[in-house]
Amino acid sequence: MKRSMIAILFSSALLLSACSGPTPGEQLDTVLKDTFEAEKDYRDTQGEMEKLEKNEQQLFESIMALTQEQQDEVKAQAEEAMASADDRLALLEQEKESMGTAEETFNEIDTVIEEAKENEVKADLTALKEKMQERFNAHADFAAAYENLTSLQKELYEMLLNEETDLQMLQEKTAEVNEQNTKVQEAVTVFNEQTEQFNELKDSTIDNLTEE
């Protein structure tokens, strides 16, 4: 259930000088840095989320290796897995809030676009805004898929707590979990691709602005 998320990298540091107000490059630099800071909570959740995911996977494998005579241990581990799933959902909420704040912050680029005097600069900045919006949309898609995955996992843990659950039911629910996990991985891939594309476009935009 590894997500392999990556954080957006801002390394603009334009260091441009301006005699009469900030240049579009300096304004963009500020927007990028503010957005990067707004995504701090998103970045901070990644390590803890991965640790919880790995521990849950180990718990599930341990539970499946237990026998009916070890039901007390099954119950204890299933309850631990359930609590872990709730912790992951709480972290996901922090992540979503962080990305929401970052999205609002990045909208400051509208002012940069509006104040830019050259049409070519406006076009470059508009393209950058659109690419970043695609990235935010990709993260929203990931979050929705991840929430669905966690809901299915909690249903699976509930089934493990019920002594009446038979093996076929567990196998069917596990198949659902695995299918949804594939969707999560696909969403992660899209988000990573959008992040990489944004960084490439950001770098080329900065290069163009620096040459102005």
N, C-alpha and C. Protein backbone atom coordinates (compact mmCIF):
# COMPACT_ATOMS: atom_id res chain seq x y z
N MET A 1 0.83 -1.20 0.00
CA MET A 1 0.00 0.00 0.00
C MET A 1 0.87 1.25 0.00
N LYS A 2 2.08 1.13 -0.46
CA LYS A 2 2.99 2.27 -0.49
C LYS A 2 2.53 3.30 -1.51
N ARG A 3 2.56 4.56 -1.11
CA ARG A 3 2.01 5.59 -1.98
C ARG A 3 3.07 6.24 -2.87
N SER A 4 4.29 6.27 -2.39
CA SER A 4 5.38 6.86 -3.18
C SER A 4 5.05 8.28 -3.65
N MET A 5 4.52 9.08 -2.74
CA MET A 5 4.21 10.46 -3.09
C MET A 5 5.51 11.27 -3.15
N ILE A 6 5.51 12.32 -3.95
CA ILE A 6 6.67 13.20 -3.98
C ILE A 6 6.21 14.63 -3.74
N ALA A 7 7.08 15.40 -3.15
CA ALA A 7 6.73 16.79 -2.84
C ALA A 7 7.18 17.69 -3.98
N ILE A 8 6.43 18.75 -4.18
CA ILE A 8 6.79 19.71 -5.23
C ILE A 8 8.06 20.44 -4.80
N LEU A 9 8.94 20.68 -5.75
CA LEU A 9 10.21 21.32 -5.44
C LEU A 9 10.26 22.73 -6.02
N PHE A 10 10.47 23.69 -5.16
CA PHE A 10 10.63 25.06 -5.61
C PHE A 10 12.08 25.46 -5.37
N SER A 11 12.76 25.80 -6.43
CA SER A 11 14.15 26.23 -6.29
C SER A 11 14.39 27.43 -7.19
N SER A 12 13.47 28.38 -7.07
CA SER A 12 13.52 29.51 -7.99
C SER A 12 14.69 30.45 -7.69
N ALA A 13 14.69 31.06 -6.50
CA ALA A 13 15.79 31.92 -6.07
C ALA A 13 16.29 32.81 -7.21
N LEU A 14 15.41 33.65 -7.69
CA LEU A 14 15.74 34.45 -8.88
C LEU A 14 16.81 35.51 -8.61
N LEU A 15 16.74 36.12 -7.43
CA LEU A 15 17.71 37.14 -7.06
C LEU A 15 17.79 38.25 -8.11
N LEU A 16 16.62 38.69 -8.55
CA LEU A 16 16.57 39.78 -9.53
C LEU A 16 16.44 41.11 -8.80
N SER A 17 16.96 42.14 -9.40
CA SER A 17 16.85 43.47 -8.79
C SER A 17 15.83 44.27 -9.56
N ALA A 18 15.17 45.17 -8.86
CA ALA A 18 14.14 46.00 -9.50
C ALA A 18 14.25 47.42 -8.98
N CYS A 19 14.18 48.36 -9.90
CA CYS A 19 14.27 49.76 -9.50
C CYS A 19 12.90 50.36 -9.22
N SER A 20 11.90 49.90 -9.93
CA SER A 20 10.57 50.49 -9.76
C SER A 20 9.53 49.39 -9.55
N GLY A 21 9.58 48.79 -8.38
CA GLY A 21 8.61 47.75 -8.08
C GLY A 21 9.11 46.38 -8.50
N PRO A 22 8.52 45.33 -7.97
CA PRO A 22 8.96 43.97 -8.27
C PRO A 22 8.67 43.57 -9.71
N THR A 23 9.57 42.80 -10.29
CA THR A 23 9.38 42.27 -11.64
C THR A 23 8.44 41.07 -11.57
N PRO A 24 7.90 40.63 -12.72
CA PRO A 24 7.08 39.41 -12.72
C PRO A 24 7.84 38.21 -12.14
N GLY A 25 9.15 38.17 -12.42
CA GLY A 25 9.96 37.08 -11.90
C GLY A 25 10.02 37.08 -10.38
N GLU A 26 10.20 38.24 -9.80
CA GLU A 26 10.25 38.35 -8.34
C GLU A 26 8.89 38.04 -7.72
N GLN A 27 7.84 38.50 -8.38
CA GLN A 27 6.49 38.22 -7.88
C GLN A 27 6.21 36.72 -7.92
N LEU A 28 6.61 36.06 -9.02
CA LEU A 28 6.42 34.63 -9.15
C LEU A 28 7.22 33.90 -8.08
N ASP A 29 8.43 34.36 -7.84
CA ASP A 29 9.28 33.74 -6.82
C ASP A 29 8.59 33.75 -5.46
N THR A 30 7.95 34.86 -5.14
CA THR A 30 7.24 34.98 -3.86
C THR A 30 6.06 34.01 -3.80
N VAL A 31 5.30 33.93 -4.89
CA VAL A 31 4.14 33.01 -4.94
C VAL A 31 4.60 31.57 -4.77
N LEU A 32 5.68 31.21 -5.44
CA LEU A 32 6.19 29.84 -5.35
C LEU A 32 6.64 29.50 -3.94
N LYS A 33 7.36 30.43 -3.32
CA LYS A 33 7.85 30.18 -1.97
C LYS A 33 6.69 30.09 -0.97
N ASP A 34 5.71 30.95 -1.12
CA ASP A 34 4.55 30.92 -0.22
C ASP A 34 3.76 29.61 -0.39
N THR A 35 3.65 29.17 -1.65
CA THR A 35 2.93 27.92 -1.91
C THR A 35 3.68 26.73 -1.34
N PHE A 36 4.99 26.73 -1.51
CA PHE A 36 5.82 25.66 -0.96
C PHE A 36 5.66 25.58 0.56
N GLU A 37 5.64 26.72 1.22
CA GLU A 37 5.47 26.77 2.67
C GLU A 37 4.08 26.27 3.06
N ALA A 38 3.08 26.60 2.26
CA ALA A 38 1.70 26.17 2.55
C ALA A 38 1.57 24.65 2.45
N GLU A 39 2.44 24.01 1.68
CA GLU A 39 2.39 22.56 1.52
C GLU A 39 3.21 21.81 2.58
N LYS A 40 3.70 22.53 3.57
CA LYS A 40 4.56 21.90 4.58
C LYS A 40 3.84 20.75 5.30
N ASP A 41 2.60 20.97 5.72
CA ASP A 41 1.88 19.91 6.43
C ASP A 41 1.67 18.69 5.54
N TYR A 42 1.45 18.94 4.25
CA TYR A 42 1.32 17.82 3.31
C TYR A 42 2.60 17.00 3.30
N ARG A 43 3.74 17.67 3.21
CA ARG A 43 5.02 16.95 3.18
C ARG A 43 5.27 16.23 4.50
N ASP A 44 4.90 16.88 5.60
CA ASP A 44 5.16 16.30 6.92
C ASP A 44 4.37 15.02 7.17
N THR A 45 3.21 14.87 6.54
CA THR A 45 2.38 13.68 6.79
C THR A 45 2.92 12.44 6.09
N GLN A 46 3.75 12.62 5.07
CA GLN A 46 4.14 11.49 4.23
C GLN A 46 4.84 10.37 4.99
N GLY A 47 5.81 10.72 5.82
CA GLY A 47 6.55 9.71 6.54
C GLY A 47 5.69 8.94 7.53
N GLU A 48 4.86 9.66 8.28
CA GLU A 48 3.99 9.02 9.27
C GLU A 48 2.95 8.14 8.59
N MET A 49 2.43 8.60 7.46
CA MET A 49 1.44 7.82 6.72
C MET A 49 2.06 6.50 6.24
N GLU A 50 3.25 6.57 5.72
CA GLU A 50 3.90 5.37 5.21
C GLU A 50 4.19 4.39 6.34
N LYS A 51 4.58 4.91 7.51
CA LYS A 51 4.85 4.05 8.66
C LYS A 51 3.58 3.31 9.10
N LEU A 52 2.46 4.02 9.14
CA LEU A 52 1.19 3.40 9.51
C LEU A 52 0.78 2.34 8.50
N GLU A 53 0.97 2.65 7.22
CA GLU A 53 0.59 1.71 6.17
C GLU A 53 1.39 0.40 6.29
N LYS A 54 2.69 0.53 6.51
CA LYS A 54 3.54 -0.67 6.63
C LYS A 54 3.14 -1.50 7.84
N ASN A 55 2.88 -0.83 8.96
CA ASN A 55 2.50 -1.54 10.18
C ASN A 55 1.16 -2.26 10.00
N GLU A 56 0.22 -1.59 9.32
CA GLU A 56 -1.09 -2.21 9.07
C GLU A 56 -0.95 -3.45 8.20
N GLN A 57 -0.11 -3.37 7.20
CA GLN A 57 0.10 -4.52 6.32
C GLN A 57 0.65 -5.70 7.11
N GLN A 58 1.58 -5.41 8.02
CA GLN A 58 2.16 -6.47 8.85
C GLN A 58 1.09 -7.06 9.79
N LEU A 59 0.23 -6.19 10.33
CA LEU A 59 -0.85 -6.66 11.20
C LEU A 59 -1.78 -7.59 10.45
N PHE A 60 -2.16 -7.18 9.22
CA PHE A 60 -3.08 -8.00 8.43
C PHE A 60 -2.47 -9.36 8.13
N GLU A 61 -1.20 -9.37 7.73
CA GLU A 61 -0.55 -10.64 7.43
C GLU A 61 -0.47 -11.52 8.68
N SER A 62 -0.24 -10.89 9.82
CA SER A 62 -0.17 -11.62 11.09
C SER A 62 -1.53 -12.22 11.44
N ILE A 63 -2.59 -11.41 11.25
CA ILE A 63 -3.94 -11.88 11.56
C ILE A 63 -4.31 -13.09 10.71
N MET A 64 -3.99 -13.03 9.42
CA MET A 64 -4.35 -14.11 8.50
C MET A 64 -3.59 -15.41 8.82
N ALA A 65 -2.50 -15.27 9.56
CA ALA A 65 -1.72 -16.46 9.91
C ALA A 65 -2.21 -17.10 11.21
N LEU A 66 -3.10 -16.40 11.92
CA LEU A 66 -3.62 -16.92 13.18
C LEU A 66 -4.74 -17.94 12.94
N THR A 67 -5.01 -18.77 13.93
CA THR A 67 -6.05 -19.77 13.83
C THR A 67 -7.29 -19.33 14.62
N GLN A 68 -8.38 -20.06 14.47
CA GLN A 68 -9.61 -19.74 15.19
C GLN A 68 -9.41 -19.81 16.70
N GLU A 69 -8.49 -20.67 17.13
CA GLU A 69 -8.22 -20.80 18.56
C GLU A 69 -7.52 -19.57 19.13
N GLN A 70 -7.04 -18.70 18.23
CA GLN A 70 -6.34 -17.49 18.68
C GLN A 70 -7.20 -16.24 18.43
N GLN A 71 -8.50 -16.38 18.62
CA GLN A 71 -9.44 -15.31 18.31
C GLN A 71 -9.17 -14.04 19.12
N ASP A 72 -8.74 -14.19 20.37
CA ASP A 72 -8.46 -13.01 21.19
C ASP A 72 -7.34 -12.18 20.57
N GLU A 73 -6.34 -12.87 20.05
CA GLU A 73 -5.23 -12.17 19.41
C GLU A 73 -5.67 -11.56 18.08
N VAL A 74 -6.51 -12.26 17.37
CA VAL A 74 -7.07 -11.73 16.13
C VAL A 74 -7.81 -10.42 16.42
N LYS A 75 -8.64 -10.43 17.45
CA LYS A 75 -9.42 -9.25 17.80
C LYS A 75 -8.52 -8.08 18.17
N ALA A 76 -7.50 -8.34 18.97
CA ALA A 76 -6.59 -7.28 19.41
C ALA A 76 -5.88 -6.64 18.22
N GLN A 77 -5.40 -7.47 17.31
CA GLN A 77 -4.66 -6.94 16.16
C GLN A 77 -5.59 -6.24 15.18
N ALA A 78 -6.81 -6.77 15.02
CA ALA A 78 -7.78 -6.13 14.12
C ALA A 78 -8.18 -4.76 14.66
N GLU A 79 -8.33 -4.64 15.96
CA GLU A 79 -8.66 -3.35 16.57
C GLU A 79 -7.51 -2.36 16.42
N GLU A 80 -6.29 -2.86 16.52
CA GLU A 80 -5.12 -2.00 16.31
C GLU A 80 -5.07 -1.50 14.87
N ALA A 81 -5.40 -2.39 13.94
CA ALA A 81 -5.43 -2.01 12.52
C ALA A 81 -6.52 -0.98 12.26
N MET A 82 -7.67 -1.16 12.92
CA MET A 82 -8.77 -0.21 12.77
C MET A 82 -8.36 1.17 13.26
N ALA A 83 -7.70 1.22 14.42
CA ALA A 83 -7.25 2.50 14.97
C ALA A 83 -6.22 3.16 14.04
N SER A 84 -5.36 2.33 13.44
CA SER A 84 -4.36 2.84 12.51
C SER A 84 -5.02 3.45 11.28
N ALA A 85 -6.07 2.80 10.79
CA ALA A 85 -6.79 3.32 9.63
C ALA A 85 -7.40 4.69 9.95
N ASP A 86 -7.95 4.82 11.15
CA ASP A 86 -8.50 6.12 11.57
C ASP A 86 -7.41 7.18 11.65
N ASP A 87 -6.24 6.79 12.13
CA ASP A 87 -5.11 7.73 12.20
C ASP A 87 -4.71 8.18 10.80
N ARG A 88 -4.73 7.25 9.84
CA ARG A 88 -4.37 7.60 8.48
C ARG A 88 -5.38 8.58 7.88
N LEU A 89 -6.65 8.37 8.18
CA LEU A 89 -7.67 9.29 7.68
C LEU A 89 -7.49 10.69 8.27
N ALA A 90 -7.07 10.75 9.53
CA ALA A 90 -6.81 12.05 10.16
C ALA A 90 -5.63 12.75 9.49
N LEU A 91 -4.60 11.98 9.18
CA LEU A 91 -3.45 12.54 8.48
C LEU A 91 -3.83 13.00 7.07
N LEU A 92 -4.70 12.23 6.43
CA LEU A 92 -5.15 12.60 5.09
C LEU A 92 -5.90 13.92 5.13
N GLU A 93 -6.69 14.15 6.18
CA GLU A 93 -7.39 15.42 6.31
C GLU A 93 -6.40 16.57 6.44
N GLN A 94 -5.34 16.36 7.21
CA GLN A 94 -4.29 17.39 7.33
C GLN A 94 -3.67 17.67 5.96
N GLU A 95 -3.43 16.59 5.25
CA GLU A 95 -2.83 16.71 3.91
C GLU A 95 -3.73 17.49 2.97
N LYS A 96 -5.03 17.18 2.99
CA LYS A 96 -6.00 17.86 2.14
C LYS A 96 -6.10 19.35 2.50
N GLU A 97 -6.10 19.65 3.78
CA GLU A 97 -6.17 21.05 4.22
C GLU A 97 -4.92 21.81 3.76
N SER A 98 -3.77 21.16 3.88
CA SER A 98 -2.53 21.79 3.46
C SER A 98 -2.54 22.09 1.96
N MET A 99 -3.01 21.12 1.16
CA MET A 99 -3.06 21.33 -0.28
C MET A 99 -4.12 22.38 -0.64
N GLY A 100 -5.21 22.43 0.13
CA GLY A 100 -6.22 23.45 -0.11
C GLY A 100 -5.68 24.85 0.14
N THR A 101 -4.92 24.99 1.22
CA THR A 101 -4.29 26.28 1.52
C THR A 101 -3.28 26.65 0.45
N ALA A 102 -2.53 25.65 0.00
CA ALA A 102 -1.54 25.90 -1.06
C ALA A 102 -2.22 26.34 -2.35
N GLU A 103 -3.36 25.73 -2.65
CA GLU A 103 -4.10 26.11 -3.86
C GLU A 103 -4.55 27.56 -3.79
N GLU A 104 -5.07 27.95 -2.63
CA GLU A 104 -5.49 29.34 -2.45
C GLU A 104 -4.30 30.28 -2.56
N THR A 105 -3.19 29.87 -1.98
CA THR A 105 -1.98 30.70 -2.01
C THR A 105 -1.47 30.87 -3.44
N PHE A 106 -1.48 29.77 -4.19
CA PHE A 106 -0.95 29.85 -5.56
C PHE A 106 -1.82 30.73 -6.44
N ASN A 107 -3.06 30.92 -6.07
CA ASN A 107 -3.94 31.80 -6.86
C ASN A 107 -3.47 33.24 -6.85
N GLU A 108 -2.49 33.54 -5.99
CA GLU A 108 -1.88 34.88 -6.00
C GLU A 108 -1.19 35.15 -7.34
N ILE A 109 -0.96 34.08 -8.11
CA ILE A 109 -0.33 34.25 -9.41
C ILE A 109 -1.23 35.07 -10.35
N ASP A 110 -2.53 35.12 -10.03
CA ASP A 110 -3.46 35.92 -10.85
C ASP A 110 -3.01 37.38 -10.88
N THR A 111 -2.54 37.87 -9.74
CA THR A 111 -2.07 39.26 -9.67
C THR A 111 -0.83 39.45 -10.53
N VAL A 112 0.05 38.46 -10.50
CA VAL A 112 1.27 38.52 -11.31
C VAL A 112 0.91 38.55 -12.79
N ILE A 113 -0.05 37.71 -13.18
CA ILE A 113 -0.49 37.67 -14.58
C ILE A 113 -1.11 39.01 -14.98
N GLU A 114 -1.95 39.54 -14.11
CA GLU A 114 -2.65 40.79 -14.40
C GLU A 114 -1.68 41.95 -14.56
N GLU A 115 -0.64 41.97 -13.75
CA GLU A 115 0.29 43.11 -13.76
C GLU A 115 1.41 42.96 -14.79
N ALA A 116 1.55 41.76 -15.36
CA ALA A 116 2.58 41.56 -16.38
C ALA A 116 2.24 42.39 -17.62
N LYS A 117 3.24 43.04 -18.17
CA LYS A 117 2.99 43.95 -19.29
C LYS A 117 3.11 43.27 -20.64
N GLU A 118 3.88 42.22 -20.73
CA GLU A 118 4.09 41.56 -22.01
C GLU A 118 3.17 40.36 -22.16
N ASN A 119 2.58 40.22 -23.33
CA ASN A 119 1.65 39.12 -23.59
C ASN A 119 2.33 37.76 -23.47
N GLU A 120 3.58 37.67 -23.88
CA GLU A 120 4.29 36.39 -23.80
C GLU A 120 4.47 35.96 -22.35
N VAL A 121 4.76 36.94 -21.49
CA VAL A 121 4.91 36.64 -20.06
C VAL A 121 3.56 36.21 -19.48
N LYS A 122 2.49 36.90 -19.87
CA LYS A 122 1.15 36.53 -19.40
C LYS A 122 0.81 35.10 -19.81
N ALA A 123 1.16 34.75 -21.04
CA ALA A 123 0.86 33.41 -21.55
C ALA A 123 1.63 32.34 -20.77
N ASP A 124 2.92 32.62 -20.51
CA ASP A 124 3.74 31.66 -19.75
C ASP A 124 3.18 31.46 -18.34
N LEU A 125 2.82 32.55 -17.70
CA LEU A 125 2.31 32.47 -16.33
C LEU A 125 0.94 31.79 -16.29
N THR A 126 0.13 32.04 -17.30
CA THR A 126 -1.19 31.40 -17.36
C THR A 126 -1.05 29.89 -17.55
N ALA A 127 -0.11 29.49 -18.39
CA ALA A 127 0.14 28.06 -18.60
C ALA A 127 0.63 27.41 -17.30
N LEU A 128 1.45 28.14 -16.56
CA LEU A 128 1.96 27.63 -15.28
C LEU A 128 0.82 27.46 -14.28
N LYS A 129 -0.08 28.42 -14.27
CA LYS A 129 -1.24 28.32 -13.37
C LYS A 129 -2.10 27.12 -13.73
N GLU A 130 -2.34 26.92 -15.00
CA GLU A 130 -3.18 25.80 -15.44
C GLU A 130 -2.54 24.46 -15.09
N LYS A 131 -1.23 24.36 -15.24
CA LYS A 131 -0.54 23.11 -14.91
C LYS A 131 -0.61 22.84 -13.41
N MET A 132 -0.46 23.90 -12.60
CA MET A 132 -0.55 23.71 -11.16
C MET A 132 -1.96 23.28 -10.76
N GLN A 133 -2.97 23.81 -11.43
CA GLN A 133 -4.34 23.43 -11.12
C GLN A 133 -4.56 21.95 -11.45
N GLU A 134 -3.96 21.49 -12.53
CA GLU A 134 -4.04 20.07 -12.88
C GLU A 134 -3.41 19.23 -11.77
N ARG A 135 -2.34 19.73 -11.19
CA ARG A 135 -1.68 19.02 -10.09
C ARG A 135 -2.58 18.96 -8.86
N PHE A 136 -3.20 20.09 -8.52
CA PHE A 136 -4.10 20.10 -7.37
C PHE A 136 -5.28 19.16 -7.61
N ASN A 137 -5.80 19.15 -8.83
CA ASN A 137 -6.91 18.25 -9.16
C ASN A 137 -6.49 16.79 -9.03
N ALA A 138 -5.26 16.51 -9.43
CA ALA A 138 -4.75 15.14 -9.34
C ALA A 138 -4.64 14.70 -7.88
N HIS A 139 -4.24 15.64 -7.02
CA HIS A 139 -4.17 15.28 -5.60
C HIS A 139 -5.56 15.04 -5.03
N ALA A 140 -6.54 15.82 -5.45
CA ALA A 140 -7.91 15.61 -4.99
C ALA A 140 -8.42 14.23 -5.41
N ASP A 141 -8.08 13.83 -6.63
CA ASP A 141 -8.46 12.50 -7.12
C ASP A 141 -7.80 11.41 -6.27
N PHE A 142 -6.52 11.63 -5.97
CA PHE A 142 -5.82 10.67 -5.11
C PHE A 142 -6.49 10.57 -3.74
N ALA A 143 -6.80 11.71 -3.13
CA ALA A 143 -7.39 11.72 -1.79
C ALA A 143 -8.72 10.96 -1.77
N ALA A 144 -9.52 11.17 -2.80
CA ALA A 144 -10.82 10.47 -2.88
C ALA A 144 -10.61 8.96 -2.99
N ALA A 145 -9.66 8.56 -3.83
CA ALA A 145 -9.37 7.13 -4.00
C ALA A 145 -8.82 6.53 -2.71
N TYR A 146 -8.00 7.29 -2.01
CA TYR A 146 -7.40 6.81 -0.77
C TYR A 146 -8.45 6.67 0.33
N GLU A 147 -9.39 7.60 0.38
CA GLU A 147 -10.48 7.51 1.35
C GLU A 147 -11.33 6.26 1.09
N ASN A 148 -11.62 5.99 -0.17
CA ASN A 148 -12.38 4.78 -0.52
C ASN A 148 -11.61 3.52 -0.12
N LEU A 149 -10.30 3.54 -0.36
CA LEU A 149 -9.48 2.40 0.01
C LEU A 149 -9.53 2.16 1.52
N THR A 150 -9.38 3.22 2.28
CA THR A 150 -9.36 3.08 3.74
C THR A 150 -10.71 2.59 4.26
N SER A 151 -11.79 3.05 3.65
CA SER A 151 -13.13 2.58 4.05
C SER A 151 -13.25 1.07 3.83
N LEU A 152 -12.76 0.59 2.69
CA LEU A 152 -12.80 -0.85 2.41
C LEU A 152 -11.92 -1.62 3.39
N GLN A 153 -10.78 -1.05 3.72
CA GLN A 153 -9.89 -1.72 4.68
C GLN A 153 -10.55 -1.81 6.05
N LYS A 154 -11.25 -0.76 6.45
CA LYS A 154 -11.94 -0.79 7.74
C LYS A 154 -13.06 -1.83 7.73
N GLU A 155 -13.73 -1.98 6.60
CA GLU A 155 -14.75 -3.02 6.48
C GLU A 155 -14.11 -4.40 6.64
N LEU A 156 -12.92 -4.55 6.09
CA LEU A 156 -12.21 -5.81 6.20
C LEU A 156 -11.83 -6.09 7.65
N TYR A 157 -11.36 -5.07 8.35
CA TYR A 157 -10.99 -5.25 9.75
C TYR A 157 -12.22 -5.59 10.60
N GLU A 158 -13.36 -4.98 10.27
CA GLU A 158 -14.60 -5.29 10.98
C GLU A 158 -14.97 -6.76 10.79
N MET A 159 -14.77 -7.25 9.58
CA MET A 159 -15.06 -8.65 9.29
C MET A 159 -14.16 -9.58 10.09
N LEU A 160 -12.92 -9.16 10.28
CA LEU A 160 -11.98 -9.97 11.06
C LEU A 160 -12.38 -10.02 12.53
N LEU A 161 -13.07 -8.99 12.99
CA LEU A 161 -13.53 -8.95 14.37
C LEU A 161 -14.73 -9.87 14.60
N ASN A 162 -15.40 -10.24 13.52
CA ASN A 162 -16.60 -11.07 13.61
C ASN A 162 -16.23 -12.55 13.42
N GLU A 163 -16.44 -13.35 14.44
CA GLU A 163 -16.08 -14.76 14.38
C GLU A 163 -16.91 -15.52 13.35
N GLU A 164 -18.03 -14.95 12.94
CA GLU A 164 -18.91 -15.63 11.99
C GLU A 164 -18.47 -15.43 10.53
N THR A 165 -17.52 -14.54 10.31
CA THR A 165 -17.07 -14.27 8.94
C THR A 165 -16.33 -15.49 8.39
N ASP A 166 -16.75 -15.94 7.20
CA ASP A 166 -16.06 -17.10 6.63
C ASP A 166 -14.95 -16.66 5.69
N LEU A 167 -14.14 -17.61 5.29
CA LEU A 167 -12.94 -17.32 4.48
C LEU A 167 -13.30 -16.71 3.13
N GLN A 168 -14.38 -17.20 2.52
CA GLN A 168 -14.76 -16.68 1.20
C GLN A 168 -15.10 -15.20 1.27
N MET A 169 -15.80 -14.80 2.32
CA MET A 169 -16.15 -13.39 2.50
C MET A 169 -14.89 -12.54 2.66
N LEU A 170 -13.94 -13.05 3.41
CA LEU A 170 -12.68 -12.33 3.59
C LEU A 170 -11.92 -12.20 2.28
N GLN A 171 -11.92 -13.27 1.50
CA GLN A 171 -11.22 -13.25 0.22
C GLN A 171 -11.85 -12.25 -0.74
N GLU A 172 -13.18 -12.19 -0.74
CA GLU A 172 -13.88 -11.24 -1.62
C GLU A 172 -13.59 -9.80 -1.22
N LYS A 173 -13.61 -9.54 0.10
CA LYS A 173 -13.34 -8.17 0.56
C LYS A 173 -11.88 -7.80 0.31
N THR A 174 -10.98 -8.78 0.49
CA THR A 174 -9.57 -8.52 0.21
C THR A 174 -9.36 -8.19 -1.26
N ALA A 175 -10.09 -8.85 -2.14
CA ALA A 175 -10.00 -8.57 -3.57
C ALA A 175 -10.46 -7.14 -3.86
N GLU A 176 -11.51 -6.70 -3.18
CA GLU A 176 -11.99 -5.32 -3.34
C GLU A 176 -10.91 -4.33 -2.90
N VAL A 177 -10.29 -4.63 -1.76
CA VAL A 177 -9.22 -3.77 -1.24
C VAL A 177 -8.08 -3.68 -2.24
N ASN A 178 -7.68 -4.82 -2.77
CA ASN A 178 -6.56 -4.83 -3.72
C ASN A 178 -6.89 -4.06 -5.00
N GLU A 179 -8.14 -4.19 -5.46
CA GLU A 179 -8.56 -3.48 -6.66
C GLU A 179 -8.53 -1.97 -6.43
N GLN A 180 -9.01 -1.54 -5.25
CA GLN A 180 -9.00 -0.11 -4.95
C GLN A 180 -7.58 0.40 -4.73
N ASN A 181 -6.73 -0.45 -4.17
CA ASN A 181 -5.35 -0.05 -3.98
C ASN A 181 -4.66 0.22 -5.31
N THR A 182 -5.03 -0.56 -6.33
CA THR A 182 -4.49 -0.33 -7.67
C THR A 182 -4.90 1.05 -8.18
N LYS A 183 -6.14 1.44 -7.90
CA LYS A 183 -6.62 2.77 -8.30
C LYS A 183 -5.85 3.87 -7.57
N VAL A 184 -5.53 3.62 -6.30
CA VAL A 184 -4.75 4.59 -5.53
C VAL A 184 -3.37 4.75 -6.14
N GLN A 185 -2.74 3.64 -6.49
CA GLN A 185 -1.41 3.70 -7.09
C GLN A 185 -1.43 4.45 -8.42
N GLU A 186 -2.49 4.24 -9.19
CA GLU A 186 -2.63 4.96 -10.46
C GLU A 186 -2.77 6.46 -10.21
N ALA A 187 -3.53 6.82 -9.16
CA ALA A 187 -3.72 8.24 -8.83
C ALA A 187 -2.41 8.87 -8.36
N VAL A 188 -1.62 8.09 -7.63
CA VAL A 188 -0.31 8.57 -7.18
C VAL A 188 0.59 8.84 -8.39
N THR A 189 0.56 7.93 -9.35
CA THR A 189 1.38 8.09 -10.55
C THR A 189 1.01 9.37 -11.30
N VAL A 190 -0.29 9.61 -11.45
CA VAL A 190 -0.75 10.82 -12.13
C VAL A 190 -0.29 12.06 -11.38
N PHE A 191 -0.45 12.06 -10.06
CA PHE A 191 -0.03 13.21 -9.26
C PHE A 191 1.47 13.47 -9.41
N ASN A 192 2.26 12.40 -9.35
CA ASN A 192 3.70 12.56 -9.50
C ASN A 192 4.07 13.12 -10.88
N GLU A 193 3.38 12.62 -11.91
CA GLU A 193 3.63 13.11 -13.26
C GLU A 193 3.27 14.59 -13.38
N GLN A 194 2.15 14.98 -12.80
CA GLN A 194 1.74 16.39 -12.84
C GLN A 194 2.74 17.26 -12.09
N THR A 195 3.27 16.75 -10.98
CA THR A 195 4.26 17.51 -10.22
C THR A 195 5.53 17.70 -11.03
N GLU A 196 5.99 16.63 -11.68
CA GLU A 196 7.19 16.72 -12.50
C GLU A 196 6.99 17.68 -13.67
N GLN A 197 5.83 17.61 -14.31
CA GLN A 197 5.53 18.50 -15.43
C GLN A 197 5.48 19.95 -14.97
N PHE A 198 4.89 20.18 -13.79
CA PHE A 198 4.85 21.55 -13.27
C PHE A 198 6.26 22.06 -13.03
N ASN A 199 7.11 21.24 -12.43
CA ASN A 199 8.48 21.69 -12.14
C ASN A 199 9.24 22.02 -13.42
N GLU A 200 9.03 21.23 -14.45
CA GLU A 200 9.69 21.50 -15.73
C GLU A 200 9.21 22.83 -16.31
N LEU A 201 7.89 23.04 -16.26
CA LEU A 201 7.33 24.27 -16.79
C LEU A 201 7.75 25.46 -15.95
N LYS A 202 7.80 25.25 -14.63
CA LYS A 202 8.25 26.33 -13.72
C LYS A 202 9.67 26.76 -14.07
N ASP A 203 10.55 25.77 -14.26
CA ASP A 203 11.95 26.08 -14.55
C ASP A 203 12.09 26.84 -15.87
N SER A 204 11.34 26.40 -16.89
CA SER A 204 11.45 27.09 -18.19
C SER A 204 10.86 28.49 -18.10
N THR A 205 9.79 28.65 -17.33
CA THR A 205 9.19 29.98 -17.16
C THR A 205 10.15 30.92 -16.45
N ILE A 206 10.80 30.41 -15.41
CA ILE A 206 11.78 31.22 -14.68
C ILE A 206 12.93 31.61 -15.59
N ASP A 207 13.39 30.67 -16.41
CA ASP A 207 14.48 30.97 -17.35
C ASP A 207 14.06 32.11 -18.31
N ASN A 208 12.84 32.01 -18.80
CA ASN A 208 12.35 33.05 -19.72
C ASN A 208 12.26 34.40 -19.03
N LEU A 209 11.78 34.42 -17.79
CA LEU A 209 11.63 35.67 -17.05
C LEU A 209 13.00 36.26 -16.71
N THR A 210 13.96 35.40 -16.44
CA THR A 210 15.29 35.87 -16.09
C THR A 210 15.99 36.51 -17.29
N GLU A 211 15.62 36.03 -18.50
CA GLU A 211 16.22 36.57 -19.72
C GLU A 211 15.61 37.91 -20.11
N GLU A 212 14.43 38.24 -19.45
CA GLU A 212 13.76 39.49 -19.84
C GLU A 212 14.66 40.70 -19.56
